[in-house]
Amino acid sequence: MAQPITKIVHPARTEKELQEQSLEAILTDLAKSGDGIREMIKLFNELHESGILGSVNGLVEAKEKVAGIAVEQLLRPQITNAINNMMAAAGALSDTNPDMTKKLMGALGNGLEKAEKGLEANEKVGVFDLMKALKDPDINRAIGFGLNLLKGVGEGLNK
């Protein structure tokens, strides 16, 4: 009776055989992606001819210095304040009704157009003109809106 097989011996591949197998896999991949590789070579040639590739290489080589400069610039008080202000503005806008914001922006644009026409007319405004303007429903609505806005701002500043 034959002895049972208890150990399977796999043929050991040499370093050269592993390299040949790896090269064959790379060549197969290159053959499958020929068009893309040609496009990539064309892109690199264009980047090289324009000088951009050299700049990018220099940037990558100086990555630690560039990162240090970037961090230094980001830590400047003006930049930190700008980032904090943008975050606060984004927070305030997220709490605001988008329809009201859209309506207000449209009204502001309309108001700027009228203000520009008023400047071009260069007419003097007297006390009686102001009293008369208060009876205009559009002006009265804007003044009421402004007063309520100021009231809300004052309440917010008191918190």
N, C-alpha and C. Protein backbone atom coordinates (compact mmCIF):
# COMPACT_ATOMS: atom_id res chain seq x y z
N MET A 1 0.84 -1.17 0.00
CA MET A 1 0.00 0.00 0.00
C MET A 1 0.89 1.24 0.00
N ALA A 2 0.47 2.28 -0.73
CA ALA A 2 1.27 3.50 -0.87
C ALA A 2 1.12 4.40 0.35
N GLN A 3 2.13 5.18 0.57
CA GLN A 3 2.12 6.13 1.69
C GLN A 3 1.21 7.31 1.35
N PRO A 4 0.40 7.79 2.27
CA PRO A 4 -0.43 8.97 1.99
C PRO A 4 0.44 10.22 1.88
N ILE A 5 -0.01 11.14 1.00
CA ILE A 5 0.72 12.40 0.81
C ILE A 5 0.39 13.31 1.99
N THR A 6 1.39 13.71 2.70
CA THR A 6 1.18 14.56 3.87
C THR A 6 1.76 15.95 3.67
N LYS A 7 2.59 16.10 2.69
CA LYS A 7 3.23 17.39 2.48
C LYS A 7 3.21 17.70 0.99
N ILE A 8 2.73 18.92 0.65
CA ILE A 8 2.70 19.35 -0.74
C ILE A 8 3.84 20.32 -0.93
N VAL A 9 4.68 20.04 -1.88
CA VAL A 9 5.84 20.88 -2.13
C VAL A 9 5.52 21.77 -3.33
N HIS A 10 5.53 23.09 -3.08
CA HIS A 10 5.34 24.05 -4.16
C HIS A 10 6.71 24.40 -4.73
N PRO A 11 6.78 24.45 -6.04
CA PRO A 11 8.08 24.79 -6.61
C PRO A 11 8.44 26.24 -6.24
N ALA A 12 9.61 26.43 -5.73
CA ALA A 12 10.06 27.77 -5.33
C ALA A 12 10.47 28.54 -6.58
N ARG A 13 9.94 29.75 -6.68
CA ARG A 13 10.28 30.59 -7.82
C ARG A 13 11.48 31.45 -7.44
N THR A 14 12.31 31.63 -8.41
CA THR A 14 13.48 32.46 -8.18
C THR A 14 13.10 33.93 -8.34
N GLU A 15 13.98 34.77 -7.89
CA GLU A 15 13.75 36.22 -7.99
C GLU A 15 13.59 36.63 -9.45
N LYS A 16 14.36 36.01 -10.31
CA LYS A 16 14.30 36.33 -11.75
C LYS A 16 12.94 35.94 -12.32
N GLU A 17 12.42 34.79 -11.93
CA GLU A 17 11.11 34.34 -12.42
C GLU A 17 10.01 35.29 -11.93
N LEU A 18 10.11 35.74 -10.69
CA LEU A 18 9.12 36.69 -10.15
C LEU A 18 9.17 38.01 -10.90
N GLN A 19 10.38 38.47 -11.23
CA GLN A 19 10.51 39.72 -11.99
C GLN A 19 9.94 39.56 -13.39
N GLU A 20 10.19 38.42 -14.04
CA GLU A 20 9.66 38.18 -15.38
C GLU A 20 8.13 38.15 -15.35
N GLN A 21 7.57 37.51 -14.33
CA GLN A 21 6.12 37.44 -14.20
C GLN A 21 5.54 38.85 -13.99
N SER A 22 6.21 39.65 -13.17
CA SER A 22 5.76 41.02 -12.92
C SER A 22 5.84 41.86 -14.20
N LEU A 23 6.93 41.70 -14.95
CA LEU A 23 7.08 42.43 -16.22
C LEU A 23 6.01 42.03 -17.22
N GLU A 24 5.68 40.76 -17.29
CA GLU A 24 4.63 40.28 -18.19
C GLU A 24 3.29 40.91 -17.83
N ALA A 25 3.00 41.00 -16.54
CA ALA A 25 1.74 41.61 -16.08
C ALA A 25 1.70 43.09 -16.45
N ILE A 26 2.83 43.78 -16.29
CA ILE A 26 2.90 45.21 -16.64
C ILE A 26 2.72 45.40 -18.14
N LEU A 27 3.37 44.55 -18.94
CA LEU A 27 3.24 44.65 -20.40
C LEU A 27 1.81 44.40 -20.83
N THR A 28 1.14 43.45 -20.19
CA THR A 28 -0.26 43.18 -20.50
C THR A 28 -1.12 44.40 -20.19
N ASP A 29 -0.88 45.01 -19.03
CA ASP A 29 -1.62 46.22 -18.65
C ASP A 29 -1.34 47.35 -19.63
N LEU A 30 -0.08 47.51 -20.04
CA LEU A 30 0.27 48.56 -21.01
C LEU A 30 -0.43 48.34 -22.34
N ALA A 31 -0.49 47.10 -22.78
CA ALA A 31 -1.14 46.80 -24.05
C ALA A 31 -2.63 47.11 -23.98
N LYS A 32 -3.25 46.86 -22.84
CA LYS A 32 -4.68 47.13 -22.68
C LYS A 32 -4.97 48.62 -22.60
N SER A 33 -4.03 49.41 -22.09
CA SER A 33 -4.25 50.84 -21.85
C SER A 33 -3.43 51.72 -22.78
N GLY A 34 -3.15 51.27 -23.96
CA GLY A 34 -2.28 52.01 -24.87
C GLY A 34 -2.74 53.41 -25.17
N ASP A 35 -4.03 53.59 -25.48
CA ASP A 35 -4.54 54.92 -25.82
C ASP A 35 -4.40 55.89 -24.64
N GLY A 36 -4.74 55.43 -23.46
CA GLY A 36 -4.64 56.28 -22.28
C GLY A 36 -3.21 56.67 -21.98
N ILE A 37 -2.30 55.73 -22.15
CA ILE A 37 -0.89 56.01 -21.88
C ILE A 37 -0.35 57.02 -22.89
N ARG A 38 -0.74 56.87 -24.16
CA ARG A 38 -0.31 57.85 -25.16
C ARG A 38 -0.84 59.24 -24.82
N GLU A 39 -2.08 59.33 -24.37
CA GLU A 39 -2.65 60.62 -23.97
C GLU A 39 -1.89 61.20 -22.78
N MET A 40 -1.52 60.33 -21.84
CA MET A 40 -0.79 60.79 -20.66
C MET A 40 0.60 61.31 -21.07
N ILE A 41 1.26 60.61 -21.99
CA ILE A 41 2.57 61.06 -22.46
C ILE A 41 2.44 62.41 -23.17
N LYS A 42 1.38 62.56 -23.96
CA LYS A 42 1.13 63.83 -24.65
C LYS A 42 0.92 64.95 -23.63
N LEU A 43 0.15 64.67 -22.58
CA LEU A 43 -0.10 65.66 -21.53
C LEU A 43 1.21 66.05 -20.84
N PHE A 44 2.02 65.07 -20.48
CA PHE A 44 3.29 65.36 -19.83
C PHE A 44 4.21 66.17 -20.73
N ASN A 45 4.22 65.87 -22.03
CA ASN A 45 5.03 66.65 -22.97
C ASN A 45 4.57 68.10 -23.00
N GLU A 46 3.26 68.32 -23.03
CA GLU A 46 2.71 69.68 -23.04
C GLU A 46 3.09 70.41 -21.74
N LEU A 47 2.96 69.72 -20.62
CA LEU A 47 3.31 70.32 -19.33
C LEU A 47 4.81 70.64 -19.28
N HIS A 48 5.62 69.77 -19.84
CA HIS A 48 7.07 70.00 -19.85
C HIS A 48 7.42 71.20 -20.73
N GLU A 49 6.83 71.26 -21.92
CA GLU A 49 7.14 72.35 -22.85
C GLU A 49 6.68 73.71 -22.31
N SER A 50 5.58 73.71 -21.58
CA SER A 50 5.08 74.98 -21.04
C SER A 50 5.80 75.39 -19.75
N GLY A 51 6.59 74.49 -19.18
CA GLY A 51 7.33 74.80 -17.96
C GLY A 51 6.56 74.49 -16.69
N ILE A 52 5.33 74.06 -16.84
CA ILE A 52 4.50 73.77 -15.66
C ILE A 52 5.03 72.54 -14.93
N LEU A 53 5.49 71.54 -15.68
CA LEU A 53 5.97 70.31 -15.06
C LEU A 53 7.18 70.59 -14.17
N GLY A 54 8.09 71.45 -14.63
CA GLY A 54 9.23 71.81 -13.81
C GLY A 54 8.81 72.51 -12.53
N SER A 55 7.83 73.39 -12.65
CA SER A 55 7.34 74.10 -11.47
C SER A 55 6.70 73.14 -10.48
N VAL A 56 5.92 72.20 -10.99
CA VAL A 56 5.27 71.22 -10.11
C VAL A 56 6.32 70.35 -9.44
N ASN A 57 7.33 69.94 -10.21
CA ASN A 57 8.41 69.14 -9.61
C ASN A 57 9.12 69.92 -8.51
N GLY A 58 9.40 71.18 -8.77
CA GLY A 58 10.04 72.02 -7.75
C GLY A 58 9.18 72.16 -6.52
N LEU A 59 7.87 72.30 -6.74
CA LEU A 59 6.93 72.42 -5.64
C LEU A 59 6.91 71.15 -4.80
N VAL A 60 6.91 70.00 -5.46
CA VAL A 60 6.90 68.72 -4.75
C VAL A 60 8.21 68.53 -3.98
N GLU A 61 9.33 68.91 -4.61
CA GLU A 61 10.62 68.77 -3.94
C GLU A 61 10.71 69.66 -2.70
N ALA A 62 10.07 70.80 -2.75
CA ALA A 62 10.12 71.75 -1.63
C ALA A 62 8.86 71.66 -0.77
N LYS A 63 8.25 70.47 -0.74
CA LYS A 63 6.95 70.32 -0.07
C LYS A 63 6.96 70.74 1.39
N GLU A 64 8.03 70.46 2.10
CA GLU A 64 8.07 70.83 3.52
C GLU A 64 8.10 72.35 3.69
N LYS A 65 8.90 73.02 2.86
CA LYS A 65 8.97 74.48 2.94
C LYS A 65 7.62 75.08 2.55
N VAL A 66 7.02 74.54 1.46
CA VAL A 66 5.74 75.06 0.99
C VAL A 66 4.65 74.85 2.04
N ALA A 67 4.64 73.66 2.64
CA ALA A 67 3.65 73.37 3.68
C ALA A 67 3.85 74.31 4.87
N GLY A 68 5.10 74.57 5.23
CA GLY A 68 5.38 75.49 6.33
C GLY A 68 4.88 76.89 6.04
N ILE A 69 5.11 77.35 4.81
CA ILE A 69 4.65 78.69 4.42
C ILE A 69 3.12 78.74 4.43
N ALA A 70 2.48 77.69 3.89
CA ALA A 70 1.01 77.66 3.85
C ALA A 70 0.42 77.70 5.26
N VAL A 71 0.98 76.90 6.15
CA VAL A 71 0.49 76.88 7.53
C VAL A 71 0.72 78.23 8.19
N GLU A 72 1.88 78.82 7.94
CA GLU A 72 2.20 80.13 8.51
C GLU A 72 1.20 81.18 8.04
N GLN A 73 0.85 81.13 6.75
CA GLN A 73 -0.10 82.10 6.20
C GLN A 73 -1.50 81.87 6.77
N LEU A 74 -1.87 80.60 6.94
CA LEU A 74 -3.20 80.30 7.47
C LEU A 74 -3.34 80.70 8.94
N LEU A 75 -2.23 80.77 9.65
CA LEU A 75 -2.28 81.11 11.08
C LEU A 75 -2.23 82.62 11.33
N ARG A 76 -2.09 83.41 10.26
CA ARG A 76 -2.10 84.85 10.43
C ARG A 76 -3.46 85.28 10.99
N PRO A 77 -3.48 86.26 11.89
CA PRO A 77 -4.75 86.68 12.51
C PRO A 77 -5.81 87.11 11.49
N GLN A 78 -5.38 87.78 10.41
CA GLN A 78 -6.35 88.23 9.41
C GLN A 78 -7.05 87.04 8.75
N ILE A 79 -6.29 86.00 8.42
CA ILE A 79 -6.87 84.83 7.78
C ILE A 79 -7.77 84.09 8.76
N THR A 80 -7.32 83.95 10.00
CA THR A 80 -8.14 83.29 11.02
C THR A 80 -9.44 84.05 11.22
N ASN A 81 -9.37 85.38 11.28
CA ASN A 81 -10.58 86.19 11.42
C ASN A 81 -11.50 86.01 10.22
N ALA A 82 -10.93 85.99 9.02
CA ALA A 82 -11.75 85.82 7.81
C ALA A 82 -12.46 84.48 7.83
N ILE A 83 -11.76 83.42 8.21
CA ILE A 83 -12.38 82.09 8.28
C ILE A 83 -13.48 82.08 9.33
N ASN A 84 -13.22 82.66 10.50
CA ASN A 84 -14.25 82.72 11.55
C ASN A 84 -15.45 83.53 11.10
N ASN A 85 -15.21 84.64 10.39
CA ASN A 85 -16.32 85.46 9.90
C ASN A 85 -17.15 84.71 8.87
N MET A 86 -16.47 83.99 7.98
CA MET A 86 -17.21 83.21 6.97
C MET A 86 -18.05 82.12 7.63
N MET A 87 -17.49 81.48 8.66
CA MET A 87 -18.24 80.44 9.36
C MET A 87 -19.45 81.04 10.09
N ALA A 88 -19.27 82.20 10.70
CA ALA A 88 -20.38 82.86 11.39
C ALA A 88 -21.45 83.29 10.40
N ALA A 89 -21.02 83.84 9.25
CA ALA A 89 -21.99 84.26 8.22
C ALA A 89 -22.74 83.06 7.67
N ALA A 90 -22.02 81.96 7.46
CA ALA A 90 -22.68 80.75 6.97
C ALA A 90 -23.69 80.24 8.00
N GLY A 91 -23.33 80.31 9.27
CA GLY A 91 -24.26 79.89 10.32
C GLY A 91 -25.50 80.77 10.36
N ALA A 92 -25.30 82.08 10.21
CA ALA A 92 -26.44 83.00 10.21
C ALA A 92 -27.32 82.76 8.99
N LEU A 93 -26.71 82.55 7.84
CA LEU A 93 -27.49 82.31 6.62
C LEU A 93 -28.24 80.99 6.69
N SER A 94 -27.68 80.01 7.38
CA SER A 94 -28.37 78.72 7.47
C SER A 94 -29.62 78.83 8.35
N ASP A 95 -29.64 79.81 9.25
CA ASP A 95 -30.82 80.02 10.10
C ASP A 95 -31.88 80.88 9.43
N THR A 96 -31.53 81.54 8.33
CA THR A 96 -32.43 82.46 7.65
C THR A 96 -33.25 81.74 6.59
N ASN A 97 -34.51 82.15 6.48
CA ASN A 97 -35.41 81.58 5.47
C ASN A 97 -34.90 81.97 4.08
N PRO A 98 -34.61 80.98 3.21
CA PRO A 98 -34.07 81.30 1.88
C PRO A 98 -35.01 82.16 1.04
N ASP A 99 -36.31 81.97 1.19
CA ASP A 99 -37.26 82.78 0.42
C ASP A 99 -37.17 84.25 0.82
N MET A 100 -37.02 84.50 2.12
CA MET A 100 -36.90 85.88 2.60
C MET A 100 -35.60 86.50 2.12
N THR A 101 -34.51 85.72 2.13
CA THR A 101 -33.22 86.22 1.65
C THR A 101 -33.31 86.58 0.18
N LYS A 102 -33.95 85.72 -0.60
CA LYS A 102 -34.11 85.98 -2.04
C LYS A 102 -34.95 87.23 -2.27
N LYS A 103 -36.02 87.36 -1.52
CA LYS A 103 -36.89 88.53 -1.64
C LYS A 103 -36.14 89.80 -1.26
N LEU A 104 -35.38 89.74 -0.17
CA LEU A 104 -34.62 90.90 0.29
C LEU A 104 -33.55 91.30 -0.72
N MET A 105 -32.86 90.33 -1.31
CA MET A 105 -31.82 90.63 -2.31
C MET A 105 -32.44 91.28 -3.55
N GLY A 106 -33.60 90.78 -3.97
CA GLY A 106 -34.30 91.38 -5.11
C GLY A 106 -34.72 92.80 -4.80
N ALA A 107 -35.25 93.02 -3.60
CA ALA A 107 -35.68 94.35 -3.19
C ALA A 107 -34.49 95.30 -3.09
N LEU A 108 -33.37 94.80 -2.60
CA LEU A 108 -32.17 95.62 -2.49
C LEU A 108 -31.68 96.05 -3.87
N GLY A 109 -31.71 95.12 -4.83
CA GLY A 109 -31.32 95.46 -6.21
C GLY A 109 -32.23 96.52 -6.79
N ASN A 110 -33.52 96.37 -6.58
CA ASN A 110 -34.49 97.35 -7.06
C ASN A 110 -34.24 98.70 -6.40
N GLY A 111 -33.97 98.69 -5.10
CA GLY A 111 -33.71 99.92 -4.37
C GLY A 111 -32.46 100.62 -4.87
N LEU A 112 -31.42 99.86 -5.19
CA LEU A 112 -30.19 100.45 -5.71
C LEU A 112 -30.42 101.11 -7.07
N GLU A 113 -31.25 100.49 -7.90
CA GLU A 113 -31.58 101.11 -9.20
C GLU A 113 -32.28 102.45 -9.00
N LYS A 114 -33.28 102.47 -8.10
CA LYS A 114 -34.01 103.72 -7.84
C LYS A 114 -33.08 104.78 -7.24
N ALA A 115 -32.20 104.35 -6.34
CA ALA A 115 -31.27 105.29 -5.72
C ALA A 115 -30.34 105.90 -6.77
N GLU A 116 -29.90 105.09 -7.72
CA GLU A 116 -29.03 105.60 -8.78
C GLU A 116 -29.76 106.63 -9.64
N LYS A 117 -31.02 106.34 -9.96
CA LYS A 117 -31.80 107.30 -10.75
C LYS A 117 -32.01 108.60 -9.96
N GLY A 118 -32.22 108.48 -8.64
CA GLY A 118 -32.39 109.65 -7.79
C GLY A 118 -31.12 110.50 -7.74
N LEU A 119 -29.97 109.84 -7.73
CA LEU A 119 -28.70 110.57 -7.74
C LEU A 119 -28.50 111.31 -9.06
N GLU A 120 -28.91 110.67 -10.15
CA GLU A 120 -28.76 111.31 -11.46
C GLU A 120 -29.67 112.53 -11.58
N ALA A 121 -30.86 112.46 -10.94
CA ALA A 121 -31.80 113.59 -11.01
C ALA A 121 -31.28 114.77 -10.20
N ASN A 122 -30.50 114.50 -9.15
CA ASN A 122 -29.88 115.53 -8.33
C ASN A 122 -30.89 116.55 -7.79
N GLU A 123 -32.04 116.02 -7.29
CA GLU A 123 -33.07 116.90 -6.73
C GLU A 123 -32.87 117.03 -5.23
N LYS A 124 -33.14 118.21 -4.70
CA LYS A 124 -33.06 118.44 -3.26
C LYS A 124 -34.29 117.85 -2.60
N VAL A 125 -34.07 117.33 -1.38
CA VAL A 125 -35.18 116.77 -0.61
C VAL A 125 -35.37 117.66 0.61
N GLY A 126 -36.59 118.17 0.76
CA GLY A 126 -36.90 119.03 1.88
C GLY A 126 -37.68 118.28 2.95
N VAL A 127 -37.98 118.99 4.03
CA VAL A 127 -38.72 118.42 5.15
C VAL A 127 -40.11 117.99 4.71
N PHE A 128 -40.77 118.82 3.91
CA PHE A 128 -42.12 118.47 3.45
C PHE A 128 -42.08 117.26 2.52
N ASP A 129 -40.99 117.12 1.75
CA ASP A 129 -40.85 115.94 0.89
C ASP A 129 -40.74 114.68 1.75
N LEU A 130 -40.04 114.76 2.88
CA LEU A 130 -39.95 113.61 3.79
C LEU A 130 -41.31 113.26 4.39
N MET A 131 -42.06 114.26 4.80
CA MET A 131 -43.40 114.03 5.37
C MET A 131 -44.31 113.39 4.33
N LYS A 132 -44.21 113.87 3.12
CA LYS A 132 -45.02 113.33 2.02
C LYS A 132 -44.60 111.89 1.72
N ALA A 133 -43.28 111.61 1.79
CA ALA A 133 -42.77 110.28 1.49
C ALA A 133 -43.27 109.25 2.50
N LEU A 134 -43.48 109.67 3.74
CA LEU A 134 -43.97 108.73 4.76
C LEU A 134 -45.35 108.18 4.42
N LYS A 135 -46.12 108.93 3.61
CA LYS A 135 -47.46 108.47 3.22
C LYS A 135 -47.40 107.47 2.07
N ASP A 136 -46.24 107.38 1.39
CA ASP A 136 -46.07 106.40 0.30
C ASP A 136 -46.00 105.00 0.93
N PRO A 137 -46.89 104.06 0.51
CA PRO A 137 -46.91 102.74 1.14
C PRO A 137 -45.58 101.97 0.99
N ASP A 138 -44.88 102.14 -0.13
CA ASP A 138 -43.61 101.43 -0.33
C ASP A 138 -42.55 101.94 0.63
N ILE A 139 -42.47 103.26 0.78
CA ILE A 139 -41.50 103.85 1.70
C ILE A 139 -41.85 103.48 3.13
N ASN A 140 -43.13 103.53 3.45
CA ASN A 140 -43.57 103.20 4.81
C ASN A 140 -43.24 101.74 5.13
N ARG A 141 -43.44 100.86 4.16
CA ARG A 141 -43.11 99.44 4.35
C ARG A 141 -41.61 99.28 4.59
N ALA A 142 -40.78 99.98 3.82
CA ALA A 142 -39.32 99.88 3.98
C ALA A 142 -38.88 100.45 5.32
N ILE A 143 -39.47 101.55 5.74
CA ILE A 143 -39.11 102.13 7.04
C ILE A 143 -39.53 101.20 8.16
N GLY A 144 -40.72 100.61 8.05
CA GLY A 144 -41.17 99.64 9.06
C GLY A 144 -40.25 98.44 9.11
N PHE A 145 -39.85 97.96 7.95
CA PHE A 145 -38.93 96.83 7.89
C PHE A 145 -37.60 97.21 8.55
N GLY A 146 -37.10 98.39 8.23
CA GLY A 146 -35.83 98.85 8.80
C GLY A 146 -35.91 99.00 10.32
N LEU A 147 -37.03 99.56 10.81
CA LEU A 147 -37.18 99.72 12.26
C LEU A 147 -37.23 98.36 12.95
N ASN A 148 -37.97 97.41 12.37
CA ASN A 148 -38.03 96.07 12.96
C ASN A 148 -36.67 95.37 12.88
N LEU A 149 -35.94 95.61 11.79
CA LEU A 149 -34.61 95.05 11.66
C LEU A 149 -33.69 95.61 12.75
N LEU A 150 -33.74 96.91 12.95
CA LEU A 150 -32.94 97.53 14.00
C LEU A 150 -33.33 97.02 15.38
N LYS A 151 -34.62 96.81 15.60
CA LYS A 151 -35.09 96.27 16.88
C LYS A 151 -34.51 94.88 17.11
N GLY A 152 -34.55 94.04 16.07
CA GLY A 152 -34.00 92.68 16.19
C GLY A 152 -32.50 92.70 16.40
N VAL A 153 -31.79 93.57 15.71
CA VAL A 153 -30.34 93.68 15.87
C VAL A 153 -30.03 94.12 17.31
N GLY A 154 -30.78 95.09 17.80
CA GLY A 154 -30.56 95.55 19.18
C GLY A 154 -30.81 94.45 20.19
N GLU A 155 -31.88 93.66 19.99
CA GLU A 155 -32.16 92.55 20.89
C GLU A 155 -31.03 91.52 20.83
N GLY A 156 -30.55 91.26 19.61
CA GLY A 156 -29.46 90.29 19.44
C GLY A 156 -28.17 90.77 20.09
N LEU A 157 -27.90 92.06 20.04
CA LEU A 157 -26.70 92.60 20.66
C LEU A 157 -26.78 92.58 22.18
N ASN A 158 -27.98 92.55 22.71
CA ASN A 158 -28.19 92.55 24.16
C ASN A 158 -27.94 91.17 24.76
N LYS A 159 -27.95 90.13 23.93
CA LYS A 159 -27.79 88.75 24.44
C LYS A 159 -26.37 88.47 24.80
